[in-house]
Amino acid sequence: MSATNPAEEEVSSFFDLANQFIEVANRQLEEEEKTLEEVASAFRYAVARFTAYETVTRLGAIFSAEIEGLPNPDQVKEELLAKFVEQFRSMLDENLSEQIQAMSESEEEKQH
């Protein structure tokens, strides 16, 4: 029996969870007969809403202007927005590259 790598397990768990969300979106397309635009827009909105919830839950005290000595809530908000936009951009860039590559390979196979 081989030892498992906790980092690999964490990455695997991350992708498994992401795939579960994607499966929900796919079911909306197939079973609920929603359009790609409807599902994608709702999915992005849900991600934004849940990210806001996560942020406020983790940093709730920072958003209380009555507590002295804490950073300005608007400044914290802007810093967090920049961080999340950069993370999303990186993930989107990676996935777009993979999808474009897969599409190109599929087209090449059709031509041969």
N, C-alpha and C. Protein backbone atom coordinates (compact mmCIF):
# COMPACT_ATOMS: atom_id res chain seq x y z
N MET A 1 0.84 -1.17 0.00
CA MET A 1 0.00 0.00 0.00
C MET A 1 0.89 1.24 0.00
N SER A 2 0.67 2.15 -0.92
CA SER A 2 1.51 3.34 -1.02
C SER A 2 0.93 4.48 -0.19
N ALA A 3 1.83 5.32 0.28
CA ALA A 3 1.41 6.49 1.04
C ALA A 3 0.80 7.51 0.09
N THR A 4 -0.24 8.18 0.56
CA THR A 4 -0.86 9.20 -0.28
C THR A 4 -0.27 10.55 0.06
N ASN A 5 -0.22 11.39 -0.92
CA ASN A 5 0.31 12.74 -0.76
C ASN A 5 -0.86 13.67 -0.41
N PRO A 6 -0.83 14.29 0.79
CA PRO A 6 -1.94 15.17 1.19
C PRO A 6 -2.18 16.31 0.20
N ALA A 7 -1.12 16.84 -0.38
CA ALA A 7 -1.28 17.93 -1.35
C ALA A 7 -2.01 17.44 -2.59
N GLU A 8 -1.68 16.24 -3.05
CA GLU A 8 -2.36 15.67 -4.21
C GLU A 8 -3.82 15.39 -3.89
N GLU A 9 -4.09 14.91 -2.69
CA GLU A 9 -5.47 14.65 -2.27
C GLU A 9 -6.27 15.95 -2.24
N GLU A 10 -5.64 17.02 -1.75
CA GLU A 10 -6.32 18.31 -1.68
C GLU A 10 -6.65 18.83 -3.08
N VAL A 11 -5.71 18.71 -4.00
CA VAL A 11 -5.94 19.14 -5.39
C VAL A 11 -7.05 18.30 -6.01
N SER A 12 -7.00 17.00 -5.80
CA SER A 12 -8.02 16.10 -6.34
C SER A 12 -9.40 16.46 -5.78
N SER A 13 -9.47 16.72 -4.48
CA SER A 13 -10.73 17.10 -3.85
C SER A 13 -11.25 18.42 -4.42
N PHE A 14 -10.35 19.37 -4.66
CA PHE A 14 -10.71 20.66 -5.25
C PHE A 14 -11.37 20.47 -6.61
N PHE A 15 -10.72 19.68 -7.47
CA PHE A 15 -11.25 19.46 -8.81
C PHE A 15 -12.53 18.62 -8.78
N ASP A 16 -12.62 17.67 -7.86
CA ASP A 16 -13.85 16.89 -7.72
C ASP A 16 -15.02 17.80 -7.35
N LEU A 17 -14.79 18.72 -6.43
CA LEU A 17 -15.85 19.64 -6.02
C LEU A 17 -16.23 20.57 -7.17
N ALA A 18 -15.24 21.09 -7.88
CA ALA A 18 -15.51 21.95 -9.04
C ALA A 18 -16.33 21.18 -10.08
N ASN A 19 -15.98 19.93 -10.31
CA ASN A 19 -16.71 19.11 -11.28
C ASN A 19 -18.16 18.89 -10.86
N GLN A 20 -18.42 18.81 -9.57
CA GLN A 20 -19.80 18.67 -9.10
C GLN A 20 -20.63 19.90 -9.45
N PHE A 21 -20.04 21.08 -9.31
CA PHE A 21 -20.74 22.31 -9.69
C PHE A 21 -20.99 22.35 -11.19
N ILE A 22 -20.01 21.93 -11.96
CA ILE A 22 -20.15 21.90 -13.42
C ILE A 22 -21.25 20.91 -13.82
N GLU A 23 -21.34 19.79 -13.12
CA GLU A 23 -22.39 18.81 -13.40
C GLU A 23 -23.78 19.42 -13.17
N VAL A 24 -23.92 20.25 -12.14
CA VAL A 24 -25.20 20.92 -11.89
C VAL A 24 -25.53 21.83 -13.07
N ALA A 25 -24.55 22.58 -13.54
CA ALA A 25 -24.77 23.47 -14.69
C ALA A 25 -25.14 22.65 -15.93
N ASN A 26 -24.46 21.55 -16.14
CA ASN A 26 -24.77 20.69 -17.30
C ASN A 26 -26.19 20.13 -17.21
N ARG A 27 -26.63 19.76 -16.01
CA ARG A 27 -28.01 19.27 -15.85
C ARG A 27 -29.02 20.36 -16.18
N GLN A 28 -28.69 21.59 -15.81
CA GLN A 28 -29.58 22.70 -16.15
C GLN A 28 -29.72 22.84 -17.67
N LEU A 29 -28.62 22.65 -18.36
CA LEU A 29 -28.65 22.72 -19.83
C LEU A 29 -29.46 21.57 -20.42
N GLU A 30 -29.24 20.38 -19.92
CA GLU A 30 -29.82 19.18 -20.52
C GLU A 30 -31.25 18.90 -20.04
N GLU A 31 -31.44 18.89 -18.74
CA GLU A 31 -32.73 18.47 -18.19
C GLU A 31 -33.72 19.63 -18.06
N GLU A 32 -33.22 20.79 -17.74
CA GLU A 32 -34.10 21.94 -17.55
C GLU A 32 -34.26 22.77 -18.82
N GLU A 33 -33.50 22.38 -19.84
CA GLU A 33 -33.55 23.04 -21.15
C GLU A 33 -33.32 24.55 -21.07
N LYS A 34 -32.38 24.94 -20.23
CA LYS A 34 -31.97 26.33 -20.16
C LYS A 34 -30.93 26.57 -21.25
N THR A 35 -30.78 27.83 -21.65
CA THR A 35 -29.77 28.15 -22.66
C THR A 35 -28.40 28.25 -22.00
N LEU A 36 -27.36 28.13 -22.81
CA LEU A 36 -25.99 28.28 -22.30
C LEU A 36 -25.82 29.64 -21.65
N GLU A 37 -26.36 30.68 -22.27
CA GLU A 37 -26.24 32.03 -21.70
C GLU A 37 -26.94 32.13 -20.35
N GLU A 38 -28.13 31.54 -20.22
CA GLU A 38 -28.85 31.58 -18.94
C GLU A 38 -28.07 30.88 -17.84
N VAL A 39 -27.58 29.69 -18.15
CA VAL A 39 -26.85 28.91 -17.15
C VAL A 39 -25.54 29.60 -16.78
N ALA A 40 -24.80 30.06 -17.79
CA ALA A 40 -23.50 30.70 -17.53
C ALA A 40 -23.67 31.98 -16.71
N SER A 41 -24.67 32.79 -17.04
CA SER A 41 -24.90 34.03 -16.30
C SER A 41 -25.28 33.74 -14.85
N ALA A 42 -26.17 32.76 -14.66
CA ALA A 42 -26.57 32.39 -13.31
C ALA A 42 -25.40 31.82 -12.52
N PHE A 43 -24.57 31.03 -13.19
CA PHE A 43 -23.40 30.43 -12.55
C PHE A 43 -22.43 31.52 -12.08
N ARG A 44 -22.15 32.49 -12.95
CA ARG A 44 -21.24 33.58 -12.57
C ARG A 44 -21.83 34.40 -11.42
N TYR A 45 -23.14 34.66 -11.47
CA TYR A 45 -23.78 35.40 -10.40
C TYR A 45 -23.67 34.63 -9.08
N ALA A 46 -23.91 33.32 -9.14
CA ALA A 46 -23.82 32.49 -7.93
C ALA A 46 -22.41 32.52 -7.36
N VAL A 47 -21.40 32.46 -8.22
CA VAL A 47 -20.01 32.52 -7.76
C VAL A 47 -19.74 33.86 -7.09
N ALA A 48 -20.20 34.94 -7.71
CA ALA A 48 -19.99 36.27 -7.13
C ALA A 48 -20.70 36.39 -5.78
N ARG A 49 -21.92 35.92 -5.72
CA ARG A 49 -22.70 36.01 -4.48
C ARG A 49 -22.06 35.17 -3.37
N PHE A 50 -21.63 33.96 -3.69
CA PHE A 50 -21.03 33.11 -2.68
C PHE A 50 -19.67 33.65 -2.25
N THR A 51 -18.91 34.23 -3.17
CA THR A 51 -17.62 34.83 -2.83
C THR A 51 -17.81 36.01 -1.90
N ALA A 52 -18.85 36.81 -2.14
CA ALA A 52 -19.15 37.93 -1.24
C ALA A 52 -19.50 37.40 0.15
N TYR A 53 -20.31 36.35 0.21
CA TYR A 53 -20.66 35.74 1.49
C TYR A 53 -19.42 35.23 2.21
N GLU A 54 -18.56 34.52 1.48
CA GLU A 54 -17.32 33.99 2.06
C GLU A 54 -16.48 35.13 2.64
N THR A 55 -16.34 36.19 1.88
CA THR A 55 -15.50 37.31 2.29
C THR A 55 -16.05 37.99 3.53
N VAL A 56 -17.33 38.28 3.54
CA VAL A 56 -17.93 38.96 4.68
C VAL A 56 -17.90 38.06 5.91
N THR A 57 -18.10 36.77 5.72
CA THR A 57 -18.04 35.83 6.84
C THR A 57 -16.65 35.79 7.46
N ARG A 58 -15.64 35.72 6.60
CA ARG A 58 -14.26 35.65 7.10
C ARG A 58 -13.77 36.98 7.67
N LEU A 59 -14.20 38.05 7.08
CA LEU A 59 -13.66 39.36 7.45
C LEU A 59 -14.73 40.30 7.99
N GLY A 60 -15.77 39.75 8.56
CA GLY A 60 -16.90 40.55 9.01
C GLY A 60 -16.53 41.74 9.87
N ALA A 61 -15.59 41.57 10.77
CA ALA A 61 -15.21 42.67 11.66
C ALA A 61 -14.62 43.85 10.89
N ILE A 62 -13.93 43.56 9.82
CA ILE A 62 -13.30 44.64 9.04
C ILE A 62 -14.36 45.54 8.42
N PHE A 63 -15.52 44.99 8.12
CA PHE A 63 -16.56 45.77 7.47
C PHE A 63 -17.39 46.59 8.46
N SER A 64 -17.05 46.50 9.72
CA SER A 64 -17.73 47.31 10.72
C SER A 64 -16.92 48.58 10.94
N ALA A 65 -17.41 49.69 10.45
CA ALA A 65 -16.69 50.96 10.53
C ALA A 65 -16.57 51.46 11.96
N GLU A 66 -17.32 50.88 12.89
CA GLU A 66 -17.31 51.33 14.27
C GLU A 66 -16.08 50.84 15.04
N ILE A 67 -15.39 49.86 14.52
CA ILE A 67 -14.22 49.32 15.21
C ILE A 67 -13.00 50.14 14.83
N GLU A 68 -12.35 50.72 15.83
CA GLU A 68 -11.20 51.58 15.56
C GLU A 68 -9.96 50.77 15.22
N GLY A 69 -9.10 51.36 14.42
CA GLY A 69 -7.82 50.75 14.10
C GLY A 69 -7.86 49.74 12.97
N LEU A 70 -9.02 49.47 12.44
CA LEU A 70 -9.11 48.53 11.33
C LEU A 70 -9.01 49.29 10.01
N PRO A 71 -8.59 48.61 8.97
CA PRO A 71 -8.51 49.26 7.66
C PRO A 71 -9.88 49.77 7.20
N ASN A 72 -9.84 50.73 6.32
CA ASN A 72 -11.06 51.28 5.74
C ASN A 72 -11.78 50.16 4.97
N PRO A 73 -13.06 49.92 5.27
CA PRO A 73 -13.78 48.85 4.58
C PRO A 73 -13.78 48.98 3.06
N ASP A 74 -13.86 50.21 2.55
CA ASP A 74 -13.84 50.40 1.10
C ASP A 74 -12.49 50.01 0.51
N GLN A 75 -11.42 50.32 1.24
CA GLN A 75 -10.08 49.94 0.78
C GLN A 75 -9.93 48.42 0.78
N VAL A 76 -10.40 47.78 1.84
CA VAL A 76 -10.35 46.32 1.92
C VAL A 76 -11.14 45.71 0.76
N LYS A 77 -12.32 46.27 0.50
CA LYS A 77 -13.17 45.78 -0.59
C LYS A 77 -12.43 45.86 -1.92
N GLU A 78 -11.78 46.99 -2.20
CA GLU A 78 -11.06 47.16 -3.46
C GLU A 78 -9.89 46.18 -3.58
N GLU A 79 -9.18 45.97 -2.47
CA GLU A 79 -8.06 45.02 -2.48
C GLU A 79 -8.56 43.59 -2.74
N LEU A 80 -9.67 43.24 -2.11
CA LEU A 80 -10.24 41.91 -2.31
C LEU A 80 -10.75 41.73 -3.74
N LEU A 81 -11.40 42.77 -4.27
CA LEU A 81 -11.86 42.70 -5.66
C LEU A 81 -10.69 42.45 -6.61
N ALA A 82 -9.60 43.18 -6.40
CA ALA A 82 -8.42 43.01 -7.25
C ALA A 82 -7.88 41.58 -7.14
N LYS A 83 -7.85 41.06 -5.92
CA LYS A 83 -7.36 39.69 -5.71
C LYS A 83 -8.24 38.67 -6.42
N PHE A 84 -9.56 38.79 -6.24
CA PHE A 84 -10.48 37.83 -6.84
C PHE A 84 -10.49 37.94 -8.36
N VAL A 85 -10.41 39.15 -8.89
CA VAL A 85 -10.36 39.33 -10.34
C VAL A 85 -9.11 38.67 -10.90
N GLU A 86 -7.98 38.84 -10.23
CA GLU A 86 -6.74 38.22 -10.70
C GLU A 86 -6.84 36.69 -10.65
N GLN A 87 -7.41 36.15 -9.57
CA GLN A 87 -7.58 34.69 -9.47
C GLN A 87 -8.49 34.18 -10.60
N PHE A 88 -9.61 34.87 -10.81
CA PHE A 88 -10.54 34.44 -11.85
C PHE A 88 -9.90 34.54 -13.22
N ARG A 89 -9.18 35.62 -13.45
CA ARG A 89 -8.52 35.81 -14.75
C ARG A 89 -7.53 34.67 -15.00
N SER A 90 -6.77 34.31 -14.00
CA SER A 90 -5.80 33.22 -14.14
C SER A 90 -6.49 31.89 -14.44
N MET A 91 -7.56 31.59 -13.70
CA MET A 91 -8.29 30.34 -13.92
C MET A 91 -8.96 30.33 -15.29
N LEU A 92 -9.54 31.47 -15.67
CA LEU A 92 -10.20 31.55 -16.97
C LEU A 92 -9.19 31.42 -18.10
N ASP A 93 -8.04 32.07 -17.96
CA ASP A 93 -6.99 31.98 -18.97
C ASP A 93 -6.55 30.53 -19.16
N GLU A 94 -6.31 29.84 -18.07
CA GLU A 94 -5.89 28.44 -18.14
C GLU A 94 -6.94 27.57 -18.82
N ASN A 95 -8.20 27.75 -18.42
CA ASN A 95 -9.26 26.92 -18.98
C ASN A 95 -9.57 27.26 -20.44
N LEU A 96 -9.49 28.54 -20.80
CA LEU A 96 -9.67 28.91 -22.20
C LEU A 96 -8.59 28.30 -23.07
N SER A 97 -7.36 28.36 -22.59
CA SER A 97 -6.25 27.76 -23.34
C SER A 97 -6.48 26.27 -23.56
N GLU A 98 -6.93 25.58 -22.51
CA GLU A 98 -7.20 24.14 -22.61
C GLU A 98 -8.34 23.85 -23.59
N GLN A 99 -9.40 24.65 -23.51
CA GLN A 99 -10.55 24.44 -24.40
C GLN A 99 -10.19 24.72 -25.86
N ILE A 100 -9.43 25.78 -26.09
CA ILE A 100 -9.01 26.12 -27.45
C ILE A 100 -8.11 25.03 -28.00
N GLN A 101 -7.19 24.55 -27.18
CA GLN A 101 -6.30 23.47 -27.61
C GLN A 101 -7.10 22.21 -27.96
N ALA A 102 -8.05 21.86 -27.11
CA ALA A 102 -8.87 20.67 -27.36
C ALA A 102 -9.69 20.84 -28.64
N MET A 103 -10.23 22.04 -28.85
CA MET A 103 -11.00 22.30 -30.06
C MET A 103 -10.11 22.19 -31.30
N SER A 104 -8.91 22.74 -31.22
CA SER A 104 -7.96 22.67 -32.34
C SER A 104 -7.60 21.23 -32.66
N GLU A 105 -7.34 20.45 -31.63
CA GLU A 105 -6.99 19.04 -31.83
C GLU A 105 -8.15 18.27 -32.44
N SER A 106 -9.36 18.59 -32.01
CA SER A 106 -10.55 17.93 -32.55
C SER A 106 -10.72 18.26 -34.03
N GLU A 107 -10.49 19.52 -34.39
CA GLU A 107 -10.60 19.93 -35.80
C GLU A 107 -9.53 19.26 -36.65
N GLU A 108 -8.33 19.14 -36.11
CA GLU A 108 -7.24 18.49 -36.84
C GLU A 108 -7.56 17.02 -37.09
N GLU A 109 -8.16 16.36 -36.09
CA GLU A 109 -8.52 14.95 -36.25
C GLU A 109 -9.58 14.77 -37.32
N LYS A 110 -10.52 15.71 -37.41
CA LYS A 110 -11.58 15.64 -38.42
C LYS A 110 -11.01 15.77 -39.83
N GLN A 111 -9.93 16.53 -39.96
CA GLN A 111 -9.34 16.77 -41.28
C GLN A 111 -8.49 15.61 -41.75
N HIS A 112 -8.13 14.71 -40.88
CA HIS A 112 -7.27 13.57 -41.27
C HIS A 112 -8.04 12.32 -41.47
